[in-house]
Amino acid sequence: MSLRAFHIVFVISVVLLFMLLSYWNYMNWQDIGSDISFSYMLLSLVLALLTVFYGTKFYNRTKQLND
């Protein structure tokens, strides 16, 4: 596995982790009603979107590096 492929798999796994964390905090916010869970949910969503943006930029920049 090339470094580029590993990087893409890693970015996808980080996005999925942030989405899971966001869902988990949403469920905590619904059950407990804590404001910190809502804040963590929003933070996780923002970080997931930023990671998607980073992943697309990385993919477009390294597209010409195919072996």
PDB file of N, CA and C in Angstrom:
ATOM      1  N   MET A   1       0.848  -1.168   0.000  1.00  0.00           N
ATOM      2  CA  MET A   1       0.000   0.000   0.000  1.00  0.00           C
ATOM      3  C   MET A   1       0.900   1.239   0.000  1.00  0.00           C
ATOM      4  N   SER A   2       0.618   2.121  -0.909  1.00  0.00           N
ATOM      5  CA  SER A   2       1.420   3.336  -1.010  1.00  0.00           C
ATOM      6  C   SER A   2       1.064   4.308   0.108  1.00  0.00           C
ATOM      7  N   LEU A   3       1.933   5.276   0.280  1.00  0.00           N
ATOM      8  CA  LEU A   3       1.696   6.295   1.297  1.00  0.00           C
ATOM      9  C   LEU A   3       0.451   7.111   0.962  1.00  0.00           C
ATOM     10  N   ARG A   4       0.217   7.348  -0.323  1.00  0.00           N
ATOM     11  CA  ARG A   4      -0.970   8.096  -0.744  1.00  0.00           C
ATOM     12  C   ARG A   4      -2.239   7.320  -0.403  1.00  0.00           C
ATOM     13  N   ALA A   5      -2.263   6.030  -0.697  1.00  0.00           N
ATOM     14  CA  ALA A   5      -3.442   5.214  -0.405  1.00  0.00           C
ATOM     15  C   ALA A   5      -3.675   5.122   1.097  1.00  0.00           C
ATOM     16  N   PHE A   6      -2.607   4.965   1.864  1.00  0.00           N
ATOM     17  CA  PHE A   6      -2.748   4.928   3.314  1.00  0.00           C
ATOM     18  C   PHE A   6      -3.319   6.242   3.829  1.00  0.00           C
ATOM     19  N   HIS A   7      -2.864   7.352   3.276  1.00  0.00           N
ATOM     20  CA  HIS A   7      -3.336   8.665   3.698  1.00  0.00           C
ATOM     21  C   HIS A   7      -4.831   8.815   3.422  1.00  0.00           C
ATOM     22  N   ILE A   8      -5.274   8.346   2.265  1.00  0.00           N
ATOM     23  CA  ILE A   8      -6.690   8.446   1.909  1.00  0.00           C
ATOM     24  C   ILE A   8      -7.529   7.578   2.841  1.00  0.00           C
ATOM     25  N   VAL A   9      -7.062   6.362   3.136  1.00  0.00           N
ATOM     26  CA  VAL A   9      -7.785   5.485   4.060  1.00  0.00           C
ATOM     27  C   VAL A   9      -7.822   6.105   5.448  1.00  0.00           C
ATOM     28  N   PHE A  10      -6.740   6.711   5.867  1.00  0.00           N
ATOM     29  CA  PHE A  10      -6.684   7.351   7.168  1.00  0.00           C
ATOM     30  C   PHE A  10      -7.659   8.525   7.249  1.00  0.00           C
ATOM     31  N   VAL A  11      -7.734   9.338   6.212  1.00  0.00           N
ATOM     32  CA  VAL A  11      -8.659  10.476   6.194  1.00  0.00           C
ATOM     33  C   VAL A  11     -10.102   9.983   6.258  1.00  0.00           C
ATOM     34  N   ILE A  12     -10.415   8.934   5.523  1.00  0.00           N
ATOM     35  CA  ILE A  12     -11.774   8.381   5.553  1.00  0.00           C
ATOM     36  C   ILE A  12     -12.111   7.862   6.941  1.00  0.00           C
ATOM     37  N   SER A  13     -11.160   7.183   7.576  1.00  0.00           N
ATOM     38  CA  SER A  13     -11.428   6.656   8.919  1.00  0.00           C
ATOM     39  C   SER A  13     -11.595   7.782   9.936  1.00  0.00           C
ATOM     40  N   VAL A  14     -10.855   8.864   9.791  1.00  0.00           N
ATOM     41  CA  VAL A  14     -10.998  10.006  10.705  1.00  0.00           C
ATOM     42  C   VAL A  14     -12.364  10.663  10.527  1.00  0.00           C
ATOM     43  N   VAL A  15     -12.825  10.798   9.299  1.00  0.00           N
ATOM     44  CA  VAL A  15     -14.141  11.382   9.052  1.00  0.00           C
ATOM     45  C   VAL A  15     -15.228  10.508   9.667  1.00  0.00           C
ATOM     46  N   LEU A  16     -15.113   9.206   9.492  1.00  0.00           N
ATOM     47  CA  LEU A  16     -16.099   8.303  10.090  1.00  0.00           C
ATOM     48  C   LEU A  16     -16.066   8.372  11.611  1.00  0.00           C
ATOM     49  N   LEU A  17     -14.890   8.488  12.179  1.00  0.00           N
ATOM     50  CA  LEU A  17     -14.773   8.616  13.624  1.00  0.00           C
ATOM     51  C   LEU A  17     -15.429   9.905  14.122  1.00  0.00           C
ATOM     52  N   PHE A  18     -15.203  11.005  13.438  1.00  0.00           N
ATOM     53  CA  PHE A  18     -15.842  12.262  13.821  1.00  0.00           C
ATOM     54  C   PHE A  18     -17.364  12.187  13.682  1.00  0.00           C
ATOM     55  N   MET A  19     -17.847  11.514  12.656  1.00  0.00           N
ATOM     56  CA  MET A  19     -19.296  11.372  12.496  1.00  0.00           C
ATOM     57  C   MET A  19     -19.884  10.514  13.613  1.00  0.00           C
ATOM     58  N   LEU A  20     -19.195   9.446  13.988  1.00  0.00           N
ATOM     59  CA  LEU A  20     -19.645   8.618  15.095  1.00  0.00           C
ATOM     60  C   LEU A  20     -19.628   9.404  16.403  1.00  0.00           C
ATOM     61  N   LEU A  21     -18.584  10.177  16.616  1.00  0.00           N
ATOM     62  CA  LEU A  21     -18.488  10.996  17.818  1.00  0.00           C
ATOM     63  C   LEU A  21     -19.593  12.047  17.858  1.00  0.00           C
ATOM     64  N   SER A  22     -19.906  12.614  16.717  1.00  0.00           N
ATOM     65  CA  SER A  22     -20.975  13.594  16.643  1.00  0.00           C
ATOM     66  C   SER A  22     -22.329  12.952  16.968  1.00  0.00           C
ATOM     67  N   TYR A  23     -22.581  11.783  16.433  1.00  0.00           N
ATOM     68  CA  TYR A  23     -23.837  11.076  16.718  1.00  0.00           C
ATOM     69  C   TYR A  23     -23.924  10.718  18.199  1.00  0.00           C
ATOM     70  N   TRP A  24     -22.832  10.230  18.754  1.00  0.00           N
ATOM     71  CA  TRP A  24     -22.807   9.846  20.161  1.00  0.00           C
ATOM     72  C   TRP A  24     -23.096  11.058  21.057  1.00  0.00           C
ATOM     73  N   ASN A  25     -22.495  12.193  20.743  1.00  0.00           N
ATOM     74  CA  ASN A  25     -22.761  13.400  21.529  1.00  0.00           C
ATOM     75  C   ASN A  25     -24.178  13.916  21.322  1.00  0.00           C
ATOM     76  N   TYR A  26     -24.718  13.725  20.143  1.00  0.00           N
ATOM     77  CA  TYR A  26     -26.117  14.100  19.916  1.00  0.00           C
ATOM     78  C   TYR A  26     -27.047  13.262  20.795  1.00  0.00           C
ATOM     79  N   MET A  27     -26.776  11.962  20.864  1.00  0.00           N
ATOM     80  CA  MET A  27     -27.607  11.088  21.704  1.00  0.00           C
ATOM     81  C   MET A  27     -27.452  11.452  23.183  1.00  0.00           C
ATOM     82  N   ASN A  28     -26.244  11.799  23.607  1.00  0.00           N
ATOM     83  CA  ASN A  28     -26.047  12.251  24.988  1.00  0.00           C
ATOM     84  C   ASN A  28     -26.801  13.545  25.255  1.00  0.00           C
ATOM     85  N   TRP A  29     -26.800  14.429  24.294  1.00  0.00           N
ATOM     86  CA  TRP A  29     -27.499  15.700  24.448  1.00  0.00           C
ATOM     87  C   TRP A  29     -29.007  15.464  24.558  1.00  0.00           C
ATOM     88  N   GLN A  30     -29.528  14.515  23.780  1.00  0.00           N
ATOM     89  CA  GLN A  30     -30.955  14.203  23.855  1.00  0.00           C
ATOM     90  C   GLN A  30     -31.319  13.558  25.194  1.00  0.00           C
ATOM     91  N   ASP A  31     -30.464  12.668  25.685  1.00  0.00           N
ATOM     92  CA  ASP A  31     -30.774  11.951  26.932  1.00  0.00           C
ATOM     93  C   ASP A  31     -30.526  12.808  28.169  1.00  0.00           C
ATOM     94  N   ILE A  32     -29.362  13.433  28.221  1.00  0.00           N
ATOM     95  CA  ILE A  32     -28.952  14.146  29.432  1.00  0.00           C
ATOM     96  C   ILE A  32     -29.332  15.619  29.372  1.00  0.00           C
ATOM     97  N   GLY A  33     -29.215  16.213  28.197  1.00  0.00           N
ATOM     98  CA  GLY A  33     -29.534  17.619  28.044  1.00  0.00           C
ATOM     99  C   GLY A  33     -28.384  18.537  28.394  1.00  0.00           C
ATOM    100  N   SER A  34     -27.185  18.013  28.412  1.00  0.00           N
ATOM    101  CA  SER A  34     -26.015  18.812  28.761  1.00  0.00           C
ATOM    102  C   SER A  34     -25.580  19.673  27.576  1.00  0.00           C
ATOM    103  N   ASP A  35     -25.263  20.919  27.856  1.00  0.00           N
ATOM    104  CA  ASP A  35     -24.819  21.832  26.804  1.00  0.00           C
ATOM    105  C   ASP A  35     -23.441  21.457  26.260  1.00  0.00           C
ATOM    106  N   ILE A  36     -22.626  20.834  27.079  1.00  0.00           N
ATOM    107  CA  ILE A  36     -21.287  20.458  26.618  1.00  0.00           C
ATOM    108  C   ILE A  36     -21.369  19.367  25.551  1.00  0.00           C
ATOM    109  N   SER A  37     -22.348  18.488  25.638  1.00  0.00           N
ATOM    110  CA  SER A  37     -22.530  17.455  24.609  1.00  0.00           C
ATOM    111  C   SER A  37     -22.922  18.094  23.281  1.00  0.00           C
ATOM    112  N   PHE A  38     -23.766  19.109  23.353  1.00  0.00           N
ATOM    113  CA  PHE A  38     -24.144  19.822  22.129  1.00  0.00           C
ATOM    114  C   PHE A  38     -22.937  20.520  21.513  1.00  0.00           C
ATOM    115  N   SER A  39     -22.094  21.107  22.347  1.00  0.00           N
ATOM    116  CA  SER A  39     -20.893  21.769  21.855  1.00  0.00           C
ATOM    117  C   SER A  39     -19.939  20.770  21.214  1.00  0.00           C
ATOM    118  N   TYR A  40     -19.773  19.614  21.843  1.00  0.00           N
ATOM    119  CA  TYR A  40     -18.909  18.580  21.274  1.00  0.00           C
ATOM    120  C   TYR A  40     -19.479  18.047  19.963  1.00  0.00           C
ATOM    121  N   MET A  41     -20.799  17.971  19.874  1.00  0.00           N
ATOM    122  CA  MET A  41     -21.426  17.523  18.636  1.00  0.00           C
ATOM    123  C   MET A  41     -21.116  18.484  17.499  1.00  0.00           C
ATOM    124  N   LEU A  42     -21.279  19.778  17.770  1.00  0.00           N
ATOM    125  CA  LEU A  42     -20.983  20.776  16.735  1.00  0.00           C
ATOM    126  C   LEU A  42     -19.502  20.779  16.361  1.00  0.00           C
ATOM    127  N   LEU A  43     -18.645  20.657  17.357  1.00  0.00           N
ATOM    128  CA  LEU A  43     -17.212  20.611  17.096  1.00  0.00           C
ATOM    129  C   LEU A  43     -16.844  19.397  16.241  1.00  0.00           C
ATOM    130  N   SER A  44     -17.440  18.266  16.528  1.00  0.00           N
ATOM    131  CA  SER A  44     -17.164  17.056  15.754  1.00  0.00           C
ATOM    132  C   SER A  44     -17.633  17.206  14.309  1.00  0.00           C
ATOM    133  N   LEU A  45     -18.787  17.825  14.118  1.00  0.00           N
ATOM    134  CA  LEU A  45     -19.274  18.049  12.753  1.00  0.00           C
ATOM    135  C   LEU A  45     -18.362  18.988  11.973  1.00  0.00           C
ATOM    136  N   VAL A  46     -17.925  20.049  12.621  1.00  0.00           N
ATOM    137  CA  VAL A  46     -17.028  21.002  11.957  1.00  0.00           C
ATOM    138  C   VAL A  46     -15.708  20.326  11.597  1.00  0.00           C
ATOM    139  N   LEU A  47     -15.173  19.541  12.521  1.00  0.00           N
ATOM    140  CA  LEU A  47     -13.916  18.858  12.246  1.00  0.00           C
ATOM    141  C   LEU A  47     -14.069  17.804  11.152  1.00  0.00           C
ATOM    142  N   ALA A  48     -15.216  17.141  11.089  1.00  0.00           N
ATOM    143  CA  ALA A  48     -15.467  16.188  10.006  1.00  0.00           C
ATOM    144  C   ALA A  48     -15.494  16.903   8.662  1.00  0.00           C
ATOM    145  N   LEU A  49     -16.154  18.049   8.606  1.00  0.00           N
ATOM    146  CA  LEU A  49     -16.200  18.808   7.348  1.00  0.00           C
ATOM    147  C   LEU A  49     -14.824  19.325   6.946  1.00  0.00           C
ATOM    148  N   LEU A  50     -14.052  19.784   7.918  1.00  0.00           N
ATOM    149  CA  LEU A  50     -12.697  20.241   7.608  1.00  0.00           C
ATOM    150  C   LEU A  50     -11.814  19.094   7.136  1.00  0.00           C
ATOM    151  N   THR A  51     -12.002  17.921   7.694  1.00  0.00           N
ATOM    152  CA  THR A  51     -11.223  16.763   7.266  1.00  0.00           C
ATOM    153  C   THR A  51     -11.612  16.338   5.853  1.00  0.00           C
ATOM    154  N   VAL A  52     -12.894  16.412   5.520  1.00  0.00           N
ATOM    155  CA  VAL A  52     -13.329  16.123   4.153  1.00  0.00           C
ATOM    156  C   VAL A  52     -12.711  17.127   3.195  1.00  0.00           C
ATOM    157  N   PHE A  53     -12.704  18.395   3.571  1.00  0.00           N
ATOM    158  CA  PHE A  53     -12.090  19.420   2.735  1.00  0.00           C
ATOM    159  C   PHE A  53     -10.598  19.145   2.542  1.00  0.00           C
ATOM    160  N   TYR A  54      -9.917  18.801   3.626  1.00  0.00           N
ATOM    161  CA  TYR A  54      -8.494  18.471   3.540  1.00  0.00           C
ATOM    162  C   TYR A  54      -8.269  17.254   2.650  1.00  0.00           C
ATOM    163  N   GLY A  55      -9.107  16.235   2.785  1.00  0.00           N
ATOM    164  CA  GLY A  55      -8.951  15.020   1.991  1.00  0.00           C
ATOM    165  C   GLY A  55      -9.139  15.265   0.506  1.00  0.00           C
ATOM    166  N   THR A  56     -10.109  16.097   0.148  1.00  0.00           N
ATOM    167  CA  THR A  56     -10.311  16.393  -1.272  1.00  0.00           C
ATOM    168  C   THR A  56      -9.161  17.214  -1.829  1.00  0.00           C
ATOM    169  N   LYS A  57      -8.642  18.161  -1.035  1.00  0.00           N
ATOM    170  CA  LYS A  57      -7.482  18.936  -1.494  1.00  0.00           C
ATOM    171  C   LYS A  57      -6.268  18.024  -1.679  1.00  0.00           C
ATOM    172  N   PHE A  58      -6.056  17.114  -0.727  1.00  0.00           N
ATOM    173  CA  PHE A  58      -4.937  16.180  -0.824  1.00  0.00           C
ATOM    174  C   PHE A  58      -5.091  15.294  -2.052  1.00  0.00           C
ATOM    175  N   TYR A  59      -6.284  14.774  -2.267  1.00  0.00           N
ATOM    176  CA  TYR A  59      -6.517  13.890  -3.407  1.00  0.00           C
ATOM    177  C   TYR A  59      -6.277  14.618  -4.724  1.00  0.00           C
ATOM    178  N   ASN A  60      -6.757  15.842  -4.833  1.00  0.00           N
ATOM    179  CA  ASN A  60      -6.570  16.602  -6.077  1.00  0.00           C
ATOM    180  C   ASN A  60      -5.102  16.959  -6.309  1.00  0.00           C
ATOM    181  N   ARG A  61      -4.371  17.242  -5.249  1.00  0.00           N
ATOM    182  CA  ARG A  61      -2.960  17.594  -5.405  1.00  0.00           C
ATOM    183  C   ARG A  61      -2.088  16.390  -5.746  1.00  0.00           C
ATOM    184  N   THR A  62      -2.492  15.220  -5.302  1.00  0.00           N
ATOM    185  CA  THR A  62      -1.662  14.035  -5.546  1.00  0.00           C
ATOM    186  C   THR A  62      -2.214  13.160  -6.662  1.00  0.00           C
ATOM    187  N   LYS A  63      -3.179  13.656  -7.399  1.00  0.00           N
ATOM    188  CA  LYS A  63      -3.780  12.872  -8.486  1.00  0.00           C
ATOM    189  C   LYS A  63      -2.752  12.526  -9.553  1.00  0.00           C
ATOM    190  N   GLN A  64      -1.820  13.409  -9.829  1.00  0.00           N
ATOM    191  CA  GLN A  64      -0.823  13.179 -10.867  1.00  0.00           C
ATOM    192  C   GLN A  64       0.287  12.248 -10.420  1.00  0.00           C
ATOM    193  N   LEU A  65       0.305  11.806  -9.164  1.00  0.00           N
ATOM    194  CA  LEU A  65       1.355  10.938  -8.665  1.00  0.00           C
ATOM    195  C   LEU A  65       1.063   9.452  -8.863  1.00  0.00           C
ATOM    196  N   ASN A  66       0.029   9.113  -9.620  1.00  0.00           N
ATOM    197  CA  ASN A  66      -0.285   7.701  -9.840  1.00  0.00           C
ATOM    198  C   ASN A  66       0.890   6.992 -10.484  1.00  0.00           C
ATOM    199  N   ASP A  67       1.145   5.783  -9.990  1.00  0.00           N
ATOM    200  CA  ASP A  67       2.283   5.005 -10.526  1.00  0.00           C
ATOM    201  C   ASP A  67       1.866   4.191 -11.722  1.00  0.00           C
TER     202      ASP A  67
END
